[in-house]
Amino acid sequence: MRRRKHSRFTPFTALSKRRQRDAFVRLRWKIRGDAPIYGGLFTSHLVLDEPGRPDLYRQWFDFLFLGLDGRSIWNASITTGNLQFWDRTQNLAVEQTYSHLSEVELEEEYRWKCIPAAYVGREKLYRLIRPEPCRHAALEGLTVKEYEERAAAEILRDTPPEIHETFRLDRSYRYGIGLEIIVASPIIDRTVIEGAIRRFRELGETDWQNPNPIPRDHLPFQTEAEAMAAAGPYMPPG
């Protein structure tokens, strides 16, 4: 039997104008049908403006909206400057932590153990167990997680990264054109999303970055771990 070659999907932007238009029209009807939920400018598979959800859990959202040319679909992800700030700070903290450890130490740190857990008929099931955190001399006797958290707090305090409002396009998506949005807002809600859509259209639906960073006093003074610990756990309704 001849083995079928793996075929990579065709990006939306490589489809014919007719197929793009057909997808556009279908999405337009969906957006209209979902107008009582999302307001009529966009739609999503996610719940927005959930009653009782703390602001800490309203930092990002995925949604779809229509392009102005009558056939483009924008497959968008929007995040707050806060979340980008935390992500960038944490990435820097991880890089700093890993720079102190050898490849062998890192391999051991993340080497999962596989142990038998149960039987289903004749089939044996296994469970993965992460090893106990190790304290490293190179990290001043701290575990990797402890050192990362300390490094993140120091970076946030002493050398905080700059975060810019951004629209970044990605034309490799299977459905629509990818669009990463960063906004200077403490939360993501319908008003923020609608404002981002209008601004994107005013800019000509293109890549853009605000030359001025989001002011430092508009960004968190706690690490994400500290903010999560202070807020406590959140269980969505239902």
Protein backbone atom coordinates (compact mmCIF):
# COMPACT_ATOMS: atom_id res chain seq x y z
CA MET A 1 0.00 0.00 0.00
CA ARG A 2 1.34 3.40 -0.96
CA ARG A 3 1.86 5.68 2.00
CA ARG A 4 -0.01 8.94 1.66
CA LYS A 5 2.14 12.00 2.13
CA HIS A 6 1.22 14.38 4.91
CA SER A 7 -0.36 17.47 3.40
CA ARG A 8 -0.07 20.75 5.27
CA PHE A 9 -3.24 22.80 5.41
CA THR A 10 -3.75 25.70 3.04
CA PRO A 11 -3.65 29.10 4.81
CA PHE A 12 -6.79 31.16 4.52
CA THR A 13 -4.93 33.87 2.60
CA ALA A 14 -4.00 31.31 -0.10
CA LEU A 15 -7.61 30.33 -0.75
CA SER A 16 -9.45 31.65 -3.77
CA LYS A 17 -11.33 34.93 -3.34
CA ARG A 18 -14.59 33.01 -3.79
CA ARG A 19 -13.83 30.62 -0.91
CA GLN A 20 -12.72 33.51 1.27
CA ARG A 21 -15.94 35.35 0.46
CA ASP A 22 -18.05 32.27 1.26
CA ALA A 23 -16.38 31.97 4.68
CA PHE A 24 -16.82 35.71 5.19
CA VAL A 25 -20.56 35.52 4.51
CA ARG A 26 -21.02 32.56 6.85
CA LEU A 27 -19.20 34.41 9.64
CA ARG A 28 -21.23 37.55 8.99
CA TRP A 29 -24.43 35.60 9.60
CA LYS A 30 -22.99 34.10 12.78
CA ILE A 31 -21.97 37.51 14.08
CA ARG A 32 -25.47 38.81 13.39
CA GLY A 33 -27.00 35.81 15.16
CA ASP A 34 -24.71 36.29 18.16
CA ALA A 35 -25.37 40.04 18.39
CA PRO A 36 -27.47 39.70 21.58
CA ILE A 37 -24.42 38.10 23.25
CA TYR A 38 -21.44 39.98 21.77
CA GLY A 39 -22.97 43.18 20.42
CA GLY A 40 -22.75 42.66 16.65
CA LEU A 41 -19.10 43.50 15.84
CA PHE A 42 -17.56 40.10 16.63
CA THR A 43 -18.25 36.59 17.83
CA SER A 44 -16.40 33.98 19.87
CA HIS A 45 -16.54 30.46 21.31
CA LEU A 46 -15.66 31.89 24.75
CA VAL A 47 -17.82 33.38 27.49
CA LEU A 48 -17.39 37.14 27.81
CA ASP A 49 -18.30 39.39 30.74
CA GLU A 50 -19.12 36.44 32.99
CA PRO A 51 -20.85 37.72 36.14
CA GLY A 52 -18.63 37.54 39.19
CA ARG A 53 -15.41 36.80 37.35
CA PRO A 54 -12.52 38.66 39.08
CA ASP A 55 -10.54 41.16 37.01
CA LEU A 56 -7.44 38.99 37.36
CA TYR A 57 -9.20 36.37 35.20
CA ARG A 58 -10.27 38.85 32.51
CA GLN A 59 -6.86 39.42 30.93
CA TRP A 60 -7.32 37.85 27.47
CA PHE A 61 -9.97 36.80 24.95
CA ASP A 62 -10.15 35.12 21.53
CA PHE A 63 -12.65 36.33 18.95
CA LEU A 64 -13.47 36.66 15.23
CA PHE A 65 -14.50 39.72 13.25
CA LEU A 66 -14.85 40.76 9.63
CA GLY A 67 -12.40 42.67 7.45
CA LEU A 68 -13.37 45.80 5.56
CA ASP A 69 -12.59 44.32 2.11
CA GLY A 70 -15.61 41.99 2.14
CA ARG A 71 -13.68 38.73 2.28
CA SER A 72 -11.07 38.91 5.06
CA ILE A 73 -11.69 37.31 8.45
CA TRP A 74 -9.66 38.36 11.47
CA ASN A 75 -8.90 35.52 13.90
CA ALA A 76 -7.93 37.64 16.89
CA SER A 77 -6.45 37.20 20.33
CA ILE A 78 -6.48 40.22 22.62
CA THR A 79 -4.50 40.55 25.84
CA THR A 80 -4.02 43.29 28.39
CA GLY A 81 -0.74 45.09 28.87
CA ASN A 82 -0.76 43.57 32.36
CA LEU A 83 -0.68 40.00 31.04
CA GLN A 84 2.02 40.81 28.50
CA PHE A 85 4.04 42.46 31.26
CA TRP A 86 3.75 39.39 33.47
CA ASP A 87 4.59 37.02 30.59
CA ARG A 88 7.65 39.04 29.57
CA THR A 89 8.84 39.34 33.16
CA GLN A 90 8.40 35.62 33.77
CA ASN A 91 10.24 34.72 30.55
CA LEU A 92 13.17 36.90 31.60
CA ALA A 93 13.15 35.28 35.05
CA VAL A 94 13.19 31.79 33.50
CA GLU A 95 16.10 32.71 31.21
CA GLN A 96 18.02 34.12 34.16
CA THR A 97 17.37 30.99 36.25
CA TYR A 98 18.32 28.54 33.51
CA SER A 99 21.54 30.44 32.80
CA HIS A 100 22.86 29.28 36.21
CA LEU A 101 22.18 25.58 35.62
CA SER A 102 23.94 22.99 33.49
CA GLU A 103 22.14 20.94 30.84
CA VAL A 104 22.38 17.88 33.09
CA GLU A 105 20.79 19.74 36.00
CA LEU A 106 17.95 20.99 33.80
CA GLU A 107 17.32 17.51 32.39
CA GLU A 108 17.12 16.07 35.89
CA GLU A 109 14.85 18.88 37.04
CA TYR A 110 12.23 18.07 34.41
CA ARG A 111 12.67 14.31 34.12
CA TRP A 112 9.24 12.78 34.74
CA LYS A 113 8.98 9.28 36.19
CA CYS A 114 6.54 6.73 34.79
CA ILE A 115 5.09 4.24 37.28
CA PRO A 116 2.33 1.60 36.95
CA ALA A 117 -1.00 2.91 38.19
CA ALA A 118 -3.72 0.38 37.35
CA TYR A 119 -4.93 -2.33 35.01
CA VAL A 120 -7.85 -2.11 32.57
CA GLY A 121 -8.34 -5.67 31.46
CA ARG A 122 -4.91 -6.79 30.33
CA GLU A 123 -3.75 -3.25 29.64
CA LYS A 124 -1.47 -1.63 32.18
CA LEU A 125 -1.97 2.09 32.80
CA TYR A 126 0.85 4.35 33.93
CA ARG A 127 1.05 7.58 35.88
CA LEU A 128 3.59 10.34 35.35
CA ILE A 129 5.21 11.77 38.46
CA ARG A 130 7.36 14.85 38.50
CA PRO A 131 10.44 14.51 40.73
CA GLU A 132 10.64 16.36 44.03
CA PRO A 133 12.03 19.90 43.59
CA CYS A 134 15.78 19.97 44.03
CA ARG A 135 17.70 22.74 45.78
CA HIS A 136 20.64 23.90 43.71
CA ALA A 137 23.87 25.41 44.98
CA ALA A 138 24.03 27.48 41.78
CA LEU A 139 20.66 29.01 42.77
CA GLU A 140 21.81 29.91 46.28
CA GLY A 141 20.14 26.83 47.73
CA LEU A 142 16.74 27.60 46.20
CA THR A 143 14.58 25.42 44.00
CA VAL A 144 14.06 26.42 40.36
CA LYS A 145 10.55 27.72 41.12
CA GLU A 146 11.71 29.70 44.16
CA TYR A 147 14.57 31.29 42.22
CA GLU A 148 12.30 32.12 39.28
CA GLU A 149 9.80 33.83 41.57
CA ARG A 150 12.54 35.85 43.26
CA ALA A 151 14.08 36.81 39.92
CA ALA A 152 10.66 37.86 38.56
CA ALA A 153 10.09 40.11 41.58
CA GLU A 154 13.52 41.71 41.13
CA ILE A 155 13.02 42.28 37.40
CA LEU A 156 9.59 43.78 38.00
CA ARG A 157 11.05 46.14 40.60
CA ASP A 158 14.42 47.06 39.08
CA THR A 159 14.35 46.50 35.29
CA PRO A 160 10.71 46.19 34.22
CA PRO A 161 10.25 45.43 30.50
CA GLU A 162 8.53 47.95 28.25
CA ILE A 163 5.14 46.93 26.87
CA HIS A 164 3.60 48.55 23.79
CA GLU A 165 0.08 48.52 22.43
CA THR A 166 0.27 46.34 19.33
CA PHE A 167 -1.55 44.89 16.33
CA ARG A 168 0.48 42.01 14.86
CA LEU A 169 -0.70 40.00 11.84
CA ASP A 170 -0.05 36.31 11.13
CA ARG A 171 -1.08 35.16 7.64
CA SER A 172 -0.35 31.46 8.28
CA TYR A 173 -3.71 30.69 9.93
CA ARG A 174 -5.99 28.04 8.47
CA TYR A 175 -9.11 30.07 9.27
CA GLY A 176 -8.86 33.79 8.76
CA ILE A 177 -5.81 35.97 9.36
CA GLY A 178 -4.20 35.77 12.78
CA LEU A 179 -4.21 39.00 14.74
CA GLU A 180 -2.46 39.50 18.08
CA ILE A 181 -3.69 42.58 19.95
CA ILE A 182 -2.16 44.13 23.06
CA VAL A 183 -4.17 46.92 24.68
CA ALA A 184 -3.52 49.36 27.50
CA SER A 185 -6.47 48.20 29.56
CA PRO A 186 -6.60 46.50 32.98
CA ILE A 187 -9.27 44.04 31.78
CA ILE A 188 -10.79 42.70 28.57
CA ASP A 189 -14.52 43.30 28.12
CA ARG A 190 -16.85 44.02 25.22
CA THR A 191 -16.14 47.74 25.24
CA VAL A 192 -12.38 47.15 25.05
CA ILE A 193 -12.76 44.64 22.18
CA GLU A 194 -15.05 46.93 20.19
CA GLY A 195 -12.62 49.81 20.71
CA ALA A 196 -9.72 47.66 19.48
CA ILE A 197 -11.65 46.65 16.35
CA ARG A 198 -12.46 50.26 15.49
CA ARG A 199 -8.89 51.36 16.10
CA PHE A 200 -7.52 48.53 13.95
CA ARG A 201 -9.80 49.57 11.11
CA GLU A 202 -8.85 53.24 11.47
CA LEU A 203 -5.16 52.25 11.19
CA GLY A 204 -5.87 50.46 7.90
CA GLU A 205 -5.99 46.86 9.19
CA THR A 206 -2.23 46.47 9.31
CA ASP A 207 0.67 45.78 11.67
CA TRP A 208 1.17 48.58 14.16
CA GLN A 209 2.95 49.30 17.41
CA ASN A 210 2.49 52.36 19.56
CA PRO A 211 5.89 54.09 19.71
CA ASN A 212 5.20 55.06 23.32
CA PRO A 213 5.21 52.24 25.88
CA ILE A 214 2.34 51.79 28.30
CA PRO A 215 3.17 53.98 31.33
CA ARG A 216 4.84 52.04 34.12
CA ASP A 217 2.26 53.14 36.68
CA HIS A 218 -0.45 51.52 34.53
CA LEU A 219 1.20 48.11 34.88
CA PRO A 220 1.31 45.74 37.88
CA PHE A 221 3.64 46.16 40.83
CA GLN A 222 3.11 42.52 41.85
CA THR A 223 4.27 39.45 39.97
CA GLU A 224 1.54 37.26 38.53
CA ALA A 225 2.25 34.62 41.19
CA GLU A 226 1.86 37.22 43.95
CA ALA A 227 -1.35 38.56 42.41
CA MET A 228 -2.78 35.04 42.08
CA ALA A 229 -1.89 34.21 45.67
CA ALA A 230 -3.54 37.40 46.91
CA ALA A 231 -6.70 36.84 44.85
CA GLY A 232 -7.14 33.20 45.84
CA PRO A 233 -8.66 30.46 43.68
CA TYR A 234 -11.56 31.16 41.32
CA MET A 235 -14.09 28.58 40.18
CA PRO A 236 -16.27 29.56 37.21
CA PRO A 237 -20.01 29.05 37.77
CA GLY A 238 -21.45 25.76 36.58
